[in-house]
């Protein structure tokens, strides 16, 4: 009986944690937006190596009274997979920061190079970026795959905002919700309509990759 009660208590705790996780999941995107506004990805990218917390704080243009919060911000961003930690050696063996530096995760490299492959799948990728940034990614895709005649394929899976025939306001409203979410969290990202695709420079980039 005690074992059953213990298992029930664990299930209740796990369920509670699961619910709280869903309630507060928006904090991931808010934290990422904060990091982008502070230009943390750009700062770490320009640094060119794992960056100690003290170096990151020094490079940030923020009020010094708020620097204790930087560690907590980076902790959630590392846990969410936006950044990674890597061990670094500190001069003189000073290891007060744990000998750990921050690095960007591989998504940052899409603008520089994509590994060669017969096919590239971009699943919910392009809606995160502006047209100009999408063109950079697509050009790297073109370099990574063979020509169309040789079997090269680029597969793009993204939402298309579209007004459907009939009474389907809920579906359209959901698409608008996604677009507002992109605007609030990623600034340059957006959900594109068929008209956007046909009239924008993004279609030129798509043609280049075929």
Protein backbone atom coordinates (compact mmCIF):
# COMPACT_ATOMS: atom_id res chain seq x y z
CA UNK A 1 0.00 0.00 0.00
CA UNK A 2 2.84 2.35 0.89
CA UNK A 3 4.51 1.56 -2.45
CA UNK A 4 1.30 2.34 -4.33
CA UNK A 5 0.95 5.63 -2.47
CA UNK A 6 4.56 6.46 -3.31
CA UNK A 7 3.99 5.73 -7.00
CA UNK A 8 0.79 7.79 -6.97
CA UNK A 9 2.60 10.71 -5.34
CA UNK A 10 5.33 10.54 -7.99
CA UNK A 11 2.75 10.47 -10.79
CA UNK A 12 0.99 13.49 -9.29
CA UNK A 13 4.28 15.37 -9.00
CA UNK A 14 5.23 14.45 -12.57
CA UNK A 15 1.80 15.56 -13.79
CA UNK A 16 2.08 18.84 -11.92
CA UNK A 17 5.55 19.45 -13.37
CA UNK A 18 4.21 18.65 -16.86
CA UNK A 19 1.38 21.17 -16.50
CA UNK A 20 3.66 23.89 -15.14
CA UNK A 21 6.10 23.20 -17.97
CA UNK A 22 3.37 23.88 -20.54
CA UNK A 23 2.14 26.97 -18.69
CA UNK A 24 5.59 28.54 -18.63
CA UNK A 25 6.91 27.24 -21.97
CA UNK A 26 6.53 30.74 -23.43
CA UNK A 27 9.52 31.80 -21.30
CA UNK A 28 11.85 30.01 -23.73
CA UNK A 29 10.87 32.32 -26.58
CA UNK A 30 10.88 35.38 -24.31
CA UNK A 31 14.39 34.51 -23.12
CA UNK A 32 15.57 34.08 -26.71
CA UNK A 33 14.04 37.44 -27.66
CA UNK A 34 15.87 39.05 -24.72
CA UNK A 35 19.17 37.50 -25.83
CA UNK A 36 18.67 38.77 -29.39
CA UNK A 37 17.83 42.28 -28.19
CA UNK A 38 21.00 42.26 -26.08
CA UNK A 39 22.89 41.02 -29.18
CA UNK A 40 24.29 38.07 -27.23
CA UNK A 41 24.50 35.76 -30.31
CA UNK A 42 26.41 38.46 -32.25
CA UNK A 43 28.75 39.12 -29.33
CA UNK A 44 29.62 35.43 -28.92
CA UNK A 45 29.97 34.98 -32.70
CA UNK A 46 32.40 37.90 -32.97
CA UNK A 47 34.37 36.58 -30.01
CA UNK A 48 35.18 33.52 -32.08
CA UNK A 49 35.76 31.20 -29.10
CA UNK A 50 33.96 29.97 -25.97
CA UNK A 51 33.13 33.10 -24.00
CA UNK A 52 33.35 33.25 -20.21
CA UNK A 53 30.42 34.73 -18.33
CA UNK A 54 32.61 37.62 -17.12
CA UNK A 55 33.64 38.38 -20.73
CA UNK A 56 30.03 38.30 -21.89
CA UNK A 57 28.89 40.61 -19.10
CA UNK A 58 31.68 43.05 -19.92
CA UNK A 59 30.69 43.11 -23.60
CA UNK A 60 26.99 43.71 -22.92
CA UNK A 61 25.73 47.28 -23.01
CA UNK A 62 23.55 46.96 -19.91
CA UNK A 63 23.32 48.50 -16.47
CA UNK A 64 25.92 46.84 -14.24
CA UNK A 65 23.28 46.27 -11.56
CA UNK A 66 21.61 43.76 -13.86
CA UNK A 67 24.67 41.64 -14.57
CA UNK A 68 23.79 38.98 -11.93
CA UNK A 69 20.77 38.10 -14.09
CA UNK A 70 22.90 37.27 -17.14
CA UNK A 71 23.93 33.90 -15.71
CA UNK A 72 20.29 32.96 -15.09
CA UNK A 73 19.32 34.03 -18.61
CA UNK A 74 22.13 31.98 -20.16
CA UNK A 75 21.26 28.98 -17.99
CA UNK A 76 17.76 28.68 -19.46
CA UNK A 77 19.04 29.34 -23.00
CA UNK A 78 21.65 26.58 -22.64
CA UNK A 79 19.01 24.20 -21.27
CA UNK A 80 16.72 25.05 -24.21
CA UNK A 81 19.51 24.27 -26.69
CA UNK A 82 20.07 27.77 -28.07
CA UNK A 83 23.61 27.88 -26.68
CA UNK A 84 26.08 25.26 -25.48
CA UNK A 85 28.67 25.22 -22.73
CA UNK A 86 32.25 24.18 -23.31
CA UNK A 87 35.12 23.77 -20.86
CA UNK A 88 37.85 26.39 -21.20
CA UNK A 89 41.16 26.87 -19.42
CA UNK A 90 41.55 30.12 -17.51
CA UNK A 91 44.92 31.91 -17.14
CA UNK A 92 46.73 31.08 -13.93
CA UNK A 93 44.35 28.25 -13.16
CA UNK A 94 41.63 30.64 -11.94
CA UNK A 95 38.51 28.55 -12.13
CA UNK A 96 36.02 30.75 -10.31
CA UNK A 97 33.58 30.54 -13.22
CA UNK A 98 33.79 26.77 -13.42
CA UNK A 99 36.00 26.92 -16.53
CA UNK A 100 32.96 27.02 -18.83
CA UNK A 101 32.37 29.28 -21.81
CA UNK A 102 29.31 29.86 -23.99
CA UNK A 103 29.09 28.96 -27.69
CA UNK A 104 26.38 29.28 -30.32
CA UNK A 105 24.60 26.09 -31.33
CA UNK A 106 25.01 24.86 -34.96
CA UNK A 107 21.93 26.70 -36.32
CA UNK A 108 24.12 29.78 -36.62
CA UNK A 109 26.24 28.07 -39.28
CA UNK A 110 23.42 27.78 -41.83
CA UNK A 111 24.48 31.17 -43.19
CA UNK A 112 28.07 29.99 -43.72
CA UNK A 113 27.86 26.37 -44.91
CA UNK A 114 25.61 23.32 -44.97
CA UNK A 115 27.06 19.77 -45.16
CA UNK A 116 26.85 18.19 -48.62
CA UNK A 117 23.88 15.88 -49.16
CA UNK A 118 21.61 14.52 -51.90
CA UNK A 119 18.68 16.31 -50.26
CA UNK A 120 18.22 19.10 -47.70
CA UNK A 121 15.09 19.35 -45.54
CA UNK A 122 14.18 22.76 -44.10
CA UNK A 123 11.40 21.96 -41.63
CA UNK A 124 10.01 25.11 -39.98
CA UNK A 125 13.25 26.98 -40.64
CA UNK A 126 12.60 29.77 -43.13
CA UNK A 127 9.71 31.29 -41.17
CA UNK A 128 12.25 32.23 -38.48
CA UNK A 129 14.12 34.60 -40.80
CA UNK A 130 13.69 37.65 -43.02
CA UNK A 131 13.67 37.32 -46.83
CA UNK A 132 17.30 38.43 -47.00
CA UNK A 133 18.38 35.87 -44.39
CA UNK A 134 16.36 33.16 -46.14
CA UNK A 135 18.21 33.89 -49.37
CA UNK A 136 21.53 33.34 -47.60
CA UNK A 137 20.35 30.00 -46.23
CA UNK A 138 18.96 28.88 -49.59
CA UNK A 139 22.17 29.75 -51.42
CA UNK A 140 24.08 27.56 -48.97
CA UNK A 141 21.54 24.79 -49.66
CA UNK A 142 22.22 25.14 -53.40
CA UNK A 143 25.94 24.64 -52.79
CA UNK A 144 25.28 21.58 -50.63
CA UNK A 145 23.10 19.54 -53.02
CA UNK A 146 23.65 18.20 -56.57
CA UNK A 147 21.81 19.74 -59.52
CA UNK A 148 18.19 18.82 -60.17
CA UNK A 149 19.30 16.64 -63.10
CA UNK A 150 21.58 14.69 -60.75
CA UNK A 151 18.86 14.08 -58.19
CA UNK A 152 19.43 17.01 -55.83
CA UNK A 153 16.38 17.95 -53.77
CA UNK A 154 15.48 20.84 -51.49
CA UNK A 155 12.41 20.14 -49.35
CA UNK A 156 10.81 23.10 -47.57
CA UNK A 157 8.10 22.58 -44.96
CA UNK A 158 6.61 25.82 -43.65
CA UNK A 159 3.17 27.16 -42.89
CA UNK A 160 1.40 29.02 -45.70
CA UNK A 161 -1.15 31.62 -44.57
CA UNK A 162 -4.16 31.02 -46.76
CA UNK A 163 -7.87 31.89 -46.75
CA UNK A 164 -9.79 28.66 -47.30
CA UNK A 165 -13.23 28.34 -48.85
CA UNK A 166 -16.06 27.74 -46.44
CA UNK A 167 -16.40 28.64 -42.80
CA UNK A 168 -12.93 27.87 -41.49
CA UNK A 169 -12.18 30.99 -39.49
CA UNK A 170 -10.52 29.03 -36.69
CA UNK A 171 -7.86 27.60 -39.02
CA UNK A 172 -7.10 31.03 -40.49
CA UNK A 173 -7.01 32.62 -37.04
CA UNK A 174 -4.53 29.96 -35.88
CA UNK A 175 -2.27 30.90 -38.78
CA UNK A 176 -2.50 34.54 -37.74
CA UNK A 177 -1.63 33.50 -34.17
CA UNK A 178 1.52 31.82 -35.44
CA UNK A 179 2.46 34.94 -37.40
CA UNK A 180 1.98 37.16 -34.34
CA UNK A 181 4.09 34.72 -32.33
CA UNK A 182 6.91 35.07 -34.87
CA UNK A 183 6.66 38.85 -34.69
CA UNK A 184 6.82 38.90 -30.88
CA UNK A 185 9.61 36.36 -30.42
CA UNK A 186 11.87 36.48 -33.47
CA UNK A 187 11.22 40.01 -34.82
CA UNK A 188 12.32 39.33 -38.42
CA UNK A 189 10.51 36.00 -38.76
CA UNK A 190 7.02 35.72 -40.22
CA UNK A 191 4.51 33.27 -41.65
CA UNK A 192 4.29 33.88 -45.39
CA UNK A 193 1.26 33.74 -47.66
CA UNK A 194 1.24 32.45 -51.24
CA UNK A 195 1.12 36.06 -52.41
CA UNK A 196 4.19 36.92 -50.33
CA UNK A 197 6.06 34.03 -51.88
CA UNK A 198 5.16 34.96 -55.44
CA UNK A 199 5.99 38.65 -55.12
CA UNK A 200 9.02 38.62 -52.84
CA UNK A 201 12.68 38.18 -53.56
CA UNK A 202 12.44 34.91 -51.66
CA UNK A 203 11.01 33.27 -54.79
CA UNK A 204 14.11 34.32 -56.71
CA UNK A 205 16.23 32.51 -54.17
CA UNK A 206 13.99 29.46 -54.46
CA UNK A 207 14.44 29.49 -58.23
CA UNK A 208 18.22 29.59 -57.79
CA UNK A 209 18.13 26.46 -55.66
CA UNK A 210 16.13 24.35 -58.12
